[in-house]
Amino acid sequence: MENIIKVENLKKVYDRFVAVDQVSFEVKKGEIFGILGPNGAGKTTTLEMIEGLKTVTSGDAIISGISVKEHPARVKKIIGVQLQSSAFFDYMNLRELIDFFGKIYGVAVDAKKLLADVSLTDKWKNQAKELSGGQRQRLSIAVAMANNPTVVFLDEPTTGLDPQARRHLWDLIRGIQAKGKTVVLTTHYMEEAEVLCDRIAIMDAAKVVALDTPVGLLRRVEQRATITFRTKALVDLSTLEKIPGVLKISQAKERVELSTHKVEEALPALLAYAKNQNLDFTDLQVREVNLEDVFLKLTGKQLRD
């Protein structure tokens, strides 16, 4: 699959503060590419430089063969942008807003179809201020699609939304990809990145620290699952450490945690141990490894820190 975006050593410096430090990656045509990281990692600044909304200190981004640094106006004609926060004119209804942005782009738009694509047909007479958070985000995406872009950039598209609205937006983003568009999004939600993205760049402290498919990133962590349970008894950790597939075990007060790369062997052995020792326990849970574990391994801190 050919690359549609090439980011080359992008850097952004404010006085002495380095917001983005030598970031490089490529985005394949037609994929959903995610930039995952905590707040302050440099995700939004990176996106805004690629979009031509922020000047570049050094480096460049190439979209469909066009340099953002040298030809930002040309790039803006082939991309759609949904900002982290958007402001709309309160006196316009949704159809008027879509038409307005079409005029800004210099293209004829089918406002009715765009609103239908984001499930806002029945709201076309409403003003943006009358919409819920999820509806406003869908309107922002409709506006981003007004010029029929080749690449769509979404900056933290589901921040602040409830789980149902978030999943509705995931379906909408998949629909954009199904139309043959390339989607680049930023997020600090690990589940969102894991579920939506074909490939993910993990950012921390202004740098890209890893880039791979979700499966490829998960393989960087030796453990495959974490088993936890609660007990008031003192557990013989040295015995549990000998269970096949157990990588690490710890007990903090009543909570016992085992990291394993063979949960199918470790869990039955743990249950057998509990039965033999007449060990009373509660709240047994098995959690598969996720991108939070990957981030912790790569950076030494939690994604939510």
C-alpha atoms as a PDB file:
ATOM      1  CA  MET A   1       0.000   0.000   0.000  1.00  0.00           C
ATOM      2  CA  GLU A   2       1.424   3.380  -1.009  1.00  0.00           C
ATOM      3  CA  ASN A   3       2.177   6.145   1.477  1.00  0.00           C
ATOM      4  CA  ILE A   4       0.010   9.257   1.281  1.00  0.00           C
ATOM      5  CA  ILE A   5       1.736  11.176   4.102  1.00  0.00           C
ATOM      6  CA  LYS A   6       5.420  11.363   4.911  1.00  0.00           C
ATOM      7  CA  VAL A   7       6.475  13.230   8.050  1.00  0.00           C
ATOM      8  CA  GLU A   8      10.182  14.035   8.127  1.00  0.00           C
ATOM      9  CA  ASN A   9      11.925  15.150  11.333  1.00  0.00           C
ATOM     10  CA  LEU A  10       9.201  17.579  12.382  1.00  0.00           C
ATOM     11  CA  LYS A  11      10.250  19.894  15.188  1.00  0.00           C
ATOM     12  CA  LYS A  12       8.460  22.717  16.981  1.00  0.00           C
ATOM     13  CA  VAL A  13      10.201  24.924  19.517  1.00  0.00           C
ATOM     14  CA  TYR A  14       8.620  27.725  21.558  1.00  0.00           C
ATOM     15  CA  ASP A  15      11.457  29.846  22.943  1.00  0.00           C
ATOM     16  CA  ARG A  16      13.418  27.062  24.694  1.00  0.00           C
ATOM     17  CA  PHE A  17      10.526  24.622  25.057  1.00  0.00           C
ATOM     18  CA  VAL A  18      10.592  21.725  22.579  1.00  0.00           C
ATOM     19  CA  ALA A  19       6.952  20.779  21.911  1.00  0.00           C
ATOM     20  CA  VAL A  20       7.707  18.286  19.119  1.00  0.00           C
ATOM     21  CA  ASP A  21      11.156  16.771  18.715  1.00  0.00           C
ATOM     22  CA  GLN A  22      12.270  15.228  15.399  1.00  0.00           C
ATOM     23  CA  VAL A  23       9.057  13.308  14.744  1.00  0.00           C
ATOM     24  CA  SER A  24       9.021  11.088  11.647  1.00  0.00           C
ATOM     25  CA  PHE A  25       6.464   8.590  10.348  1.00  0.00           C
ATOM     26  CA  GLU A  26       4.564   7.599   7.212  1.00  0.00           C
ATOM     27  CA  VAL A  27       0.825   7.084   6.734  1.00  0.00           C
ATOM     28  CA  LYS A  28      -0.486   4.588   4.208  1.00  0.00           C
ATOM     29  CA  LYS A  29      -3.278   5.494   1.822  1.00  0.00           C
ATOM     30  CA  GLY A  30      -6.690   4.393   3.102  1.00  0.00           C
ATOM     31  CA  GLU A  31      -5.674   3.512   6.667  1.00  0.00           C
ATOM     32  CA  ILE A  32      -6.792   4.884  10.005  1.00  0.00           C
ATOM     33  CA  PHE A  33      -3.565   6.075  11.600  1.00  0.00           C
ATOM     34  CA  GLY A  34      -3.584   6.949  15.280  1.00  0.00           C
ATOM     35  CA  ILE A  35      -1.279   9.102  17.370  1.00  0.00           C
ATOM     36  CA  LEU A  36      -1.647   7.914  20.967  1.00  0.00           C
ATOM     37  CA  GLY A  37      -0.225   9.602  24.029  1.00  0.00           C
ATOM     38  CA  PRO A  38      -1.010  11.498  27.225  1.00  0.00           C
ATOM     39  CA  ASN A  39      -1.977  15.155  27.309  1.00  0.00           C
ATOM     40  CA  GLY A  40       1.074  17.313  26.629  1.00  0.00           C
ATOM     41  CA  ALA A  41       2.899  14.657  24.599  1.00  0.00           C
ATOM     42  CA  GLY A  42       2.893  16.813  21.449  1.00  0.00           C
ATOM     43  CA  LYS A  43       0.076  15.096  19.542  1.00  0.00           C
ATOM     44  CA  THR A  44      -1.972  18.174  18.684  1.00  0.00           C
ATOM     45  CA  THR A  45       1.063  20.285  17.793  1.00  0.00           C
ATOM     46  CA  THR A  46       2.273  17.527  15.472  1.00  0.00           C
ATOM     47  CA  LEU A  47      -1.123  17.345  13.796  1.00  0.00           C
ATOM     48  CA  GLU A  48      -1.388  21.121  13.409  1.00  0.00           C
ATOM     49  CA  MET A  49       2.025  21.294  11.727  1.00  0.00           C
ATOM     50  CA  ILE A  50       1.033  18.541   9.292  1.00  0.00           C
ATOM     51  CA  GLU A  51      -2.206  20.405   8.561  1.00  0.00           C
ATOM     52  CA  GLY A  52      -0.344  23.643   7.905  1.00  0.00           C
ATOM     53  CA  LEU A  53      -2.009  25.389  10.850  1.00  0.00           C
ATOM     54  CA  LYS A  54       1.247  25.851  12.777  1.00  0.00           C
ATOM     55  CA  THR A  55       4.588  26.958  11.406  1.00  0.00           C
ATOM     56  CA  VAL A  56       7.326  24.342  11.458  1.00  0.00           C
ATOM     57  CA  THR A  57      10.607  25.043  13.260  1.00  0.00           C
ATOM     58  CA  SER A  58      12.342  22.392  11.163  1.00  0.00           C
ATOM     59  CA  GLY A  59      11.462  19.319   9.143  1.00  0.00           C
ATOM     60  CA  ASP A  60       8.527  18.903   6.777  1.00  0.00           C
ATOM     61  CA  ALA A  61       5.399  16.900   6.017  1.00  0.00           C
ATOM     62  CA  ILE A  62       4.507  15.726   2.522  1.00  0.00           C
ATOM     63  CA  ILE A  63       0.847  14.992   1.691  1.00  0.00           C
ATOM     64  CA  SER A  64       0.074  13.481  -1.709  1.00  0.00           C
ATOM     65  CA  GLY A  65       3.463  14.669  -2.894  1.00  0.00           C
ATOM     66  CA  ILE A  66       2.907  18.267  -1.721  1.00  0.00           C
ATOM     67  CA  SER A  67       5.178  19.899   0.864  1.00  0.00           C
ATOM     68  CA  VAL A  68       3.214  21.442   3.721  1.00  0.00           C
ATOM     69  CA  LYS A  69       6.123  23.748   4.458  1.00  0.00           C
ATOM     70  CA  GLU A  70       6.405  25.055   0.894  1.00  0.00           C
ATOM     71  CA  HIS A  71       2.776  24.871  -0.283  1.00  0.00           C
ATOM     72  CA  PRO A  72       0.422  25.022   2.737  1.00  0.00           C
ATOM     73  CA  ALA A  73      -2.447  26.500   0.699  1.00  0.00           C
ATOM     74  CA  ARG A  74      -2.354  23.599  -1.770  1.00  0.00           C
ATOM     75  CA  VAL A  75      -2.333  21.085   1.057  1.00  0.00           C
ATOM     76  CA  LYS A  76      -5.363  22.670   2.736  1.00  0.00           C
ATOM     77  CA  LYS A  77      -7.417  22.049  -0.417  1.00  0.00           C
ATOM     78  CA  ILE A  78      -7.022  18.277  -0.145  1.00  0.00           C
ATOM     79  CA  ILE A  79      -7.423  17.782   3.605  1.00  0.00           C
ATOM     80  CA  GLY A  80     -10.293  18.009   6.068  1.00  0.00           C
ATOM     81  CA  VAL A  81      -9.672  19.098   9.649  1.00  0.00           C
ATOM     82  CA  GLN A  82     -11.674  18.569  12.826  1.00  0.00           C
ATOM     83  CA  LEU A  83     -10.111  20.612  15.605  1.00  0.00           C
ATOM     84  CA  GLN A  84     -10.058  19.601  19.264  1.00  0.00           C
ATOM     85  CA  SER A  85     -12.548  22.405  19.960  1.00  0.00           C
ATOM     86  CA  SER A  86     -14.685  24.105  17.331  1.00  0.00           C
ATOM     87  CA  ALA A  87     -16.738  27.310  17.370  1.00  0.00           C
ATOM     88  CA  PHE A  88     -19.699  27.833  15.052  1.00  0.00           C
ATOM     89  CA  PHE A  89     -21.847  30.873  14.285  1.00  0.00           C
ATOM     90  CA  ASP A  90     -24.849  30.741  16.601  1.00  0.00           C
ATOM     91  CA  TYR A  91     -27.222  32.459  14.171  1.00  0.00           C
ATOM     92  CA  MET A  92     -26.836  29.786  11.455  1.00  0.00           C
ATOM     93  CA  ASN A  93     -28.623  26.448  11.343  1.00  0.00           C
ATOM     94  CA  LEU A  94     -26.665  23.311  10.488  1.00  0.00           C
ATOM     95  CA  ARG A  95     -27.452  23.354   6.769  1.00  0.00           C
ATOM     96  CA  GLU A  96     -26.403  26.996   6.536  1.00  0.00           C
ATOM     97  CA  LEU A  97     -23.164  26.203   8.366  1.00  0.00           C
ATOM     98  CA  ILE A  98     -22.289  23.412   5.942  1.00  0.00           C
ATOM     99  CA  ASP A  99     -23.043  25.686   2.965  1.00  0.00           C
ATOM    100  CA  PHE A 100     -20.924  28.428   4.542  1.00  0.00           C
ATOM    101  CA  PHE A 101     -17.888  26.180   4.864  1.00  0.00           C
ATOM    102  CA  GLY A 102     -18.401  24.976   1.311  1.00  0.00           C
ATOM    103  CA  LYS A 103     -18.130  28.586   0.148  1.00  0.00           C
ATOM    104  CA  ILE A 104     -14.927  29.008   2.174  1.00  0.00           C
ATOM    105  CA  TYR A 105     -13.478  26.006   0.344  1.00  0.00           C
ATOM    106  CA  GLY A 106     -14.852  27.296  -2.951  1.00  0.00           C
ATOM    107  CA  VAL A 107     -16.806  24.111  -3.659  1.00  0.00           C
ATOM    108  CA  ALA A 108     -20.463  23.204  -4.032  1.00  0.00           C
ATOM    109  CA  VAL A 109     -21.591  20.994  -1.161  1.00  0.00           C
ATOM    110  CA  ASP A 110     -24.591  18.769  -0.624  1.00  0.00           C
ATOM    111  CA  ALA A 111     -25.380  19.828   2.937  1.00  0.00           C
ATOM    112  CA  LYS A 112     -28.291  17.406   3.173  1.00  0.00           C
ATOM    113  CA  LYS A 113     -26.072  14.423   2.313  1.00  0.00           C
ATOM    114  CA  LEU A 114     -23.247  15.501   4.635  1.00  0.00           C
ATOM    115  CA  LEU A 115     -25.668  15.838   7.540  1.00  0.00           C
ATOM    116  CA  ALA A 116     -27.169  12.445   6.687  1.00  0.00           C
ATOM    117  CA  ASP A 117     -23.677  10.912   6.682  1.00  0.00           C
ATOM    118  CA  VAL A 118     -23.217  12.008  10.307  1.00  0.00           C
ATOM    119  CA  SER A 119     -26.797  11.171  11.395  1.00  0.00           C
ATOM    120  CA  LEU A 120     -27.880  14.793  11.816  1.00  0.00           C
ATOM    121  CA  THR A 121     -30.588  14.997   9.136  1.00  0.00           C
ATOM    122  CA  ASP A 122     -33.313  15.687  11.684  1.00  0.00           C
ATOM    123  CA  LYS A 123     -31.247  18.506  13.234  1.00  0.00           C
ATOM    124  CA  TRP A 124     -30.666  20.596  10.108  1.00  0.00           C
ATOM    125  CA  LYS A 125     -32.864  23.462  11.369  1.00  0.00           C
ATOM    126  CA  ASN A 126     -31.071  23.565  14.728  1.00  0.00           C
ATOM    127  CA  GLN A 127     -28.208  25.847  15.658  1.00  0.00           C
ATOM    128  CA  ALA A 128     -24.922  24.322  16.822  1.00  0.00           C
ATOM    129  CA  LYS A 129     -25.447  25.609  20.371  1.00  0.00           C
ATOM    130  CA  GLU A 130     -28.552  23.409  20.626  1.00  0.00           C
ATOM    131  CA  LEU A 131     -26.632  20.201  19.951  1.00  0.00           C
ATOM    132  CA  SER A 132     -25.282  17.705  22.477  1.00  0.00           C
ATOM    133  CA  GLY A 133     -21.539  17.109  22.759  1.00  0.00           C
ATOM    134  CA  GLY A 134     -21.663  14.056  20.509  1.00  0.00           C
ATOM    135  CA  GLN A 135     -23.796  15.875  17.936  1.00  0.00           C
ATOM    136  CA  ARG A 136     -21.383  18.816  17.860  1.00  0.00           C
ATOM    137  CA  GLN A 137     -18.499  16.440  17.205  1.00  0.00           C
ATOM    138  CA  ARG A 138     -20.430  14.852  14.352  1.00  0.00           C
ATOM    139  CA  LEU A 139     -21.132  18.312  12.941  1.00  0.00           C
ATOM    140  CA  SER A 140     -17.403  19.091  13.149  1.00  0.00           C
ATOM    141  CA  ILE A 141     -16.681  15.966  11.116  1.00  0.00           C
ATOM    142  CA  ALA A 142     -19.342  16.910   8.544  1.00  0.00           C
ATOM    143  CA  VAL A 143     -17.640  20.305   8.174  1.00  0.00           C
ATOM    144  CA  ALA A 144     -14.260  18.561   7.796  1.00  0.00           C
ATOM    145  CA  MET A 145     -15.736  16.527   4.923  1.00  0.00           C
ATOM    146  CA  ALA A 146     -17.234  19.555   3.133  1.00  0.00           C
ATOM    147  CA  ASN A 147     -14.447  19.798   0.535  1.00  0.00           C
ATOM    148  CA  ASN A 148     -14.394  16.027  -0.157  1.00  0.00           C
ATOM    149  CA  PRO A 149     -10.854  15.697   1.242  1.00  0.00           C
ATOM    150  CA  THR A 150      -8.331  12.986   0.504  1.00  0.00           C
ATOM    151  CA  VAL A 151      -7.097  12.939   4.111  1.00  0.00           C
ATOM    152  CA  VAL A 152      -9.193  13.680   7.212  1.00  0.00           C
ATOM    153  CA  PHE A 153      -7.508  14.820  10.440  1.00  0.00           C
ATOM    154  CA  LEU A 154      -9.382  14.314  13.718  1.00  0.00           C
ATOM    155  CA  ASP A 155      -7.916  15.766  16.904  1.00  0.00           C
ATOM    156  CA  GLU A 156      -9.173  13.953  20.028  1.00  0.00           C
ATOM    157  CA  PRO A 157     -12.568  13.389  18.345  1.00  0.00           C
ATOM    158  CA  THR A 158     -14.256  11.626  21.280  1.00  0.00           C
ATOM    159  CA  THR A 159     -12.908  13.558  24.269  1.00  0.00           C
ATOM    160  CA  GLY A 160     -15.667  14.335  26.754  1.00  0.00           C
ATOM    161  CA  LEU A 161     -18.231  12.027  25.156  1.00  0.00           C
ATOM    162  CA  ASP A 162     -20.137   9.305  26.975  1.00  0.00           C
ATOM    163  CA  PRO A 163     -19.421   5.676  25.960  1.00  0.00           C
ATOM    164  CA  GLN A 164     -22.444   5.421  23.662  1.00  0.00           C
ATOM    165  CA  ALA A 165     -21.637   8.658  21.808  1.00  0.00           C
ATOM    166  CA  ARG A 166     -17.991   7.580  21.568  1.00  0.00           C
ATOM    167  CA  ARG A 167     -18.899   4.297  19.887  1.00  0.00           C
ATOM    168  CA  HIS A 168     -21.279   6.100  17.530  1.00  0.00           C
ATOM    169  CA  LEU A 169     -18.366   8.293  16.471  1.00  0.00           C
ATOM    170  CA  TRP A 170     -16.138   5.231  15.988  1.00  0.00           C
ATOM    171  CA  ASP A 171     -18.690   3.886  13.500  1.00  0.00           C
ATOM    172  CA  LEU A 172     -18.704   7.246  11.737  1.00  0.00           C
ATOM    173  CA  ILE A 173     -14.902   7.226  11.454  1.00  0.00           C
ATOM    174  CA  ARG A 174     -14.964   3.693  10.036  1.00  0.00           C
ATOM    175  CA  GLY A 175     -17.517   4.952   7.519  1.00  0.00           C
ATOM    176  CA  ILE A 176     -15.123   7.686   6.400  1.00  0.00           C
ATOM    177  CA  GLN A 177     -12.422   5.076   5.829  1.00  0.00           C
ATOM    178  CA  ALA A 178     -14.906   2.921   3.898  1.00  0.00           C
ATOM    179  CA  LYS A 179     -15.326   5.815   1.454  1.00  0.00           C
ATOM    180  CA  GLY A 180     -11.647   5.493   0.561  1.00  0.00           C
ATOM    181  CA  LYS A 181     -10.406   8.332   2.752  1.00  0.00           C
ATOM    182  CA  THR A 182      -7.277   8.268   4.873  1.00  0.00           C
ATOM    183  CA  VAL A 183      -7.899   9.168   8.521  1.00  0.00           C
ATOM    184  CA  VAL A 184      -5.292  10.495  10.954  1.00  0.00           C
ATOM    185  CA  LEU A 185      -6.483  10.924  14.527  1.00  0.00           C
ATOM    186  CA  THR A 186      -5.029  11.749  17.910  1.00  0.00           C
ATOM    187  CA  THR A 187      -6.299  10.201  21.113  1.00  0.00           C
ATOM    188  CA  HIS A 188      -5.334   9.505  24.703  1.00  0.00           C
ATOM    189  CA  TYR A 189      -7.841   6.651  24.928  1.00  0.00           C
ATOM    190  CA  MET A 190      -5.978   3.346  24.551  1.00  0.00           C
ATOM    191  CA  GLU A 191      -9.166   1.402  23.749  1.00  0.00           C
ATOM    192  CA  GLU A 192     -10.019   3.853  20.977  1.00  0.00           C
ATOM    193  CA  ALA A 193      -6.597   3.478  19.382  1.00  0.00           C
ATOM    194  CA  GLU A 194      -6.655  -0.307  19.722  1.00  0.00           C
ATOM    195  CA  VAL A 195     -10.162  -0.714  18.279  1.00  0.00           C
ATOM    196  CA  LEU A 196     -10.045   1.877  15.485  1.00  0.00           C
ATOM    197  CA  CYS A 197      -6.516   2.188  14.172  1.00  0.00           C
ATOM    198  CA  ASP A 198      -4.689   0.123  11.584  1.00  0.00           C
ATOM    199  CA  ARG A 199      -1.390   1.470  12.910  1.00  0.00           C
ATOM    200  CA  ILE A 200      -0.468   3.574  15.921  1.00  0.00           C
ATOM    201  CA  ALA A 201       2.362   5.962  16.718  1.00  0.00           C
ATOM    202  CA  ILE A 202       2.858   6.279  20.479  1.00  0.00           C
ATOM    203  CA  MET A 203       4.089   9.711  21.555  1.00  0.00           C
ATOM    204  CA  ASP A 204       5.602  10.745  24.864  1.00  0.00           C
ATOM    205  CA  ALA A 205       7.573  13.844  25.826  1.00  0.00           C
ATOM    206  CA  ALA A 206       7.502  15.292  22.284  1.00  0.00           C
ATOM    207  CA  LYS A 207       8.843  12.138  20.600  1.00  0.00           C
ATOM    208  CA  VAL A 208       7.469   9.071  18.843  1.00  0.00           C
ATOM    209  CA  VAL A 209       8.587   6.163  21.026  1.00  0.00           C
ATOM    210  CA  ALA A 210       6.968   3.338  19.028  1.00  0.00           C
ATOM    211  CA  LEU A 211       5.030   2.762  15.810  1.00  0.00           C
ATOM    212  CA  ASP A 212       3.316  -0.454  14.765  1.00  0.00           C
ATOM    213  CA  THR A 213      -0.026  -2.178  14.334  1.00  0.00           C
ATOM    214  CA  PRO A 214      -2.002  -2.705  17.564  1.00  0.00           C
ATOM    215  CA  VAL A 215      -1.039  -6.399  17.517  1.00  0.00           C
ATOM    216  CA  GLY A 216       2.608  -5.545  16.860  1.00  0.00           C
ATOM    217  CA  LEU A 217       2.685  -3.119  19.778  1.00  0.00           C
ATOM    218  CA  LEU A 218       1.097  -5.643  22.142  1.00  0.00           C
ATOM    219  CA  ARG A 219       3.781  -8.179  21.243  1.00  0.00           C
ATOM    220  CA  ARG A 220       6.387  -5.851  22.732  1.00  0.00           C
ATOM    221  CA  VAL A 221       5.125  -6.822  26.184  1.00  0.00           C
ATOM    222  CA  GLU A 222       6.133 -10.312  27.317  1.00  0.00           C
ATOM    223  CA  GLN A 223       3.072 -10.836  29.464  1.00  0.00           C
ATOM    224  CA  ARG A 224      -0.186 -11.748  27.758  1.00  0.00           C
ATOM    225  CA  ALA A 225      -2.488 -11.276  30.739  1.00  0.00           C
ATOM    226  CA  THR A 226      -2.717 -10.229  34.382  1.00  0.00           C
ATOM    227  CA  ILE A 227      -4.608 -12.366  36.911  1.00  0.00           C
ATOM    228  CA  THR A 228      -5.749 -10.676  40.117  1.00  0.00           C
ATOM    229  CA  PHE A 229      -7.739 -11.801  43.143  1.00  0.00           C
ATOM    230  CA  ARG A 230      -8.355 -10.759  46.731  1.00  0.00           C
ATOM    231  CA  THR A 231      -7.741 -12.827  49.848  1.00  0.00           C
ATOM    232  CA  LYS A 232      -7.238 -12.142  53.542  1.00  0.00           C
ATOM    233  CA  ALA A 233      -4.811 -15.054  53.793  1.00  0.00           C
ATOM    234  CA  LEU A 234      -1.057 -14.779  53.390  1.00  0.00           C
ATOM    235  CA  VAL A 235      -0.220 -16.378  50.041  1.00  0.00           C
ATOM    236  CA  ASP A 236       2.931 -18.442  49.486  1.00  0.00           C
ATOM    237  CA  LEU A 237       4.321 -16.339  46.629  1.00  0.00           C
ATOM    238  CA  SER A 238       7.338 -18.601  46.128  1.00  0.00           C
ATOM    239  CA  THR A 239       5.025 -21.515  45.296  1.00  0.00           C
ATOM    240  CA  LEU A 240       2.903 -19.464  42.896  1.00  0.00           C
ATOM    241  CA  GLU A 241       6.043 -18.208  41.159  1.00  0.00           C
ATOM    242  CA  LYS A 242       6.676 -21.806  40.036  1.00  0.00           C
ATOM    243  CA  ILE A 243       3.372 -21.993  38.148  1.00  0.00           C
ATOM    244  CA  PRO A 244       4.073 -22.433  34.400  1.00  0.00           C
ATOM    245  CA  GLY A 245       3.869 -19.150  32.537  1.00  0.00           C
ATOM    246  CA  VAL A 246       3.997 -16.865  35.583  1.00  0.00           C
ATOM    247  CA  LEU A 247       6.405 -13.990  34.998  1.00  0.00           C
ATOM    248  CA  LYS A 248       5.877 -11.960  38.150  1.00  0.00           C
ATOM    249  CA  ILE A 249       3.747 -12.115  41.283  1.00  0.00           C
ATOM    250  CA  SER A 250       3.057  -9.635  44.057  1.00  0.00           C
ATOM    251  CA  GLN A 251       0.757  -9.164  47.028  1.00  0.00           C
ATOM    252  CA  ALA A 252      -0.292  -5.789  48.388  1.00  0.00           C
ATOM    253  CA  LYS A 253      -2.561  -6.102  51.420  1.00  0.00           C
ATOM    254  CA  GLU A 254      -5.458  -8.295  50.229  1.00  0.00           C
ATOM    255  CA  ARG A 255      -4.747  -7.993  46.496  1.00  0.00           C
ATOM    256  CA  VAL A 256      -2.614 -10.588  44.689  1.00  0.00           C
ATOM    257  CA  GLU A 257      -1.465 -10.015  41.112  1.00  0.00           C
ATOM    258  CA  LEU A 258       0.167 -12.467  38.688  1.00  0.00           C
ATOM    259  CA  SER A 259       1.610 -11.510  35.311  1.00  0.00           C
ATOM    260  CA  THR A 260       1.640 -14.394  32.843  1.00  0.00           C
ATOM    261  CA  HIS A 261       2.348 -15.185  29.225  1.00  0.00           C
ATOM    262  CA  LYS A 262       0.421 -18.471  29.407  1.00  0.00           C
ATOM    263  CA  VAL A 263      -2.914 -17.705  31.034  1.00  0.00           C
ATOM    264  CA  GLU A 264      -4.361 -21.032  29.832  1.00  0.00           C
ATOM    265  CA  GLU A 265      -1.820 -22.815  32.084  1.00  0.00           C
ATOM    266  CA  ALA A 266      -1.485 -20.318  34.910  1.00  0.00           C
ATOM    267  CA  LEU A 267      -5.191 -19.956  35.715  1.00  0.00           C
ATOM    268  CA  PRO A 268      -5.976 -23.693  36.208  1.00  0.00           C
ATOM    269  CA  ALA A 269      -2.794 -24.084  38.283  1.00  0.00           C
ATOM    270  CA  LEU A 270      -3.803 -21.128  40.450  1.00  0.00           C
ATOM    271  CA  LEU A 271      -7.280 -22.566  41.026  1.00  0.00           C
ATOM    272  CA  ALA A 272      -5.752 -25.948  41.926  1.00  0.00           C
ATOM    273  CA  TYR A 273      -3.437 -24.245  44.431  1.00  0.00           C
ATOM    274  CA  ALA A 274      -6.383 -22.420  46.009  1.00  0.00           C
ATOM    275  CA  LYS A 275      -8.334 -25.678  46.339  1.00  0.00           C
ATOM    276  CA  ASN A 276      -5.413 -27.588  47.862  1.00  0.00           C
ATOM    277  CA  GLN A 277      -4.697 -24.815  50.357  1.00  0.00           C
ATOM    278  CA  ASN A 278      -8.371 -24.163  51.181  1.00  0.00           C
ATOM    279  CA  LEU A 279      -7.678 -20.604  50.140  1.00  0.00           C
ATOM    280  CA  ASP A 280     -10.718 -18.334  50.257  1.00  0.00           C
ATOM    281  CA  PHE A 281     -10.536 -15.625  47.613  1.00  0.00           C
ATOM    282  CA  THR A 282     -12.839 -13.152  45.862  1.00  0.00           C
ATOM    283  CA  ASP A 283     -12.883 -10.843  42.861  1.00  0.00           C
ATOM    284  CA  LEU A 284     -10.902 -13.110  40.527  1.00  0.00           C
ATOM    285  CA  GLN A 285     -10.195 -11.226  37.298  1.00  0.00           C
ATOM    286  CA  VAL A 286      -8.220 -11.918  34.139  1.00  0.00           C
ATOM    287  CA  ARG A 287      -7.196  -8.867  32.119  1.00  0.00           C
ATOM    288  CA  GLU A 288      -5.562  -9.229  28.734  1.00  0.00           C
ATOM    289  CA  VAL A 289      -2.535  -7.080  27.990  1.00  0.00           C
ATOM    290  CA  ASN A 290      -3.420  -3.721  26.425  1.00  0.00           C
ATOM    291  CA  LEU A 291      -1.751  -0.572  25.139  1.00  0.00           C
ATOM    292  CA  GLU A 292      -1.561   0.785  28.692  1.00  0.00           C
ATOM    293  CA  ASP A 293       0.916  -2.013  29.450  1.00  0.00           C
ATOM    294  CA  VAL A 294       2.864  -1.205  26.288  1.00  0.00           C
ATOM    295  CA  PHE A 295       3.060   2.473  27.219  1.00  0.00           C
ATOM    296  CA  LEU A 296       4.192   1.584  30.740  1.00  0.00           C
ATOM    297  CA  LYS A 297       6.971  -0.617  29.374  1.00  0.00           C
ATOM    298  CA  LEU A 298       8.129   2.013  26.860  1.00  0.00           C
ATOM    299  CA  THR A 299       8.032   5.051  29.146  1.00  0.00           C
ATOM    300  CA  GLY A 300       7.984   3.744  32.706  1.00  0.00           C
ATOM    301  CA  LYS A 301       4.738   5.573  33.479  1.00  0.00           C
ATOM    302  CA  GLN A 302       1.000   5.177  33.100  1.00  0.00           C
ATOM    303  CA  LEU A 303      -0.710   6.569  30.002  1.00  0.00           C
ATOM    304  CA  ARG A 304      -3.123   8.450  32.259  1.00  0.00           C
ATOM    305  CA  ASP A 305      -0.393  10.056  34.419  1.00  0.00           C
END
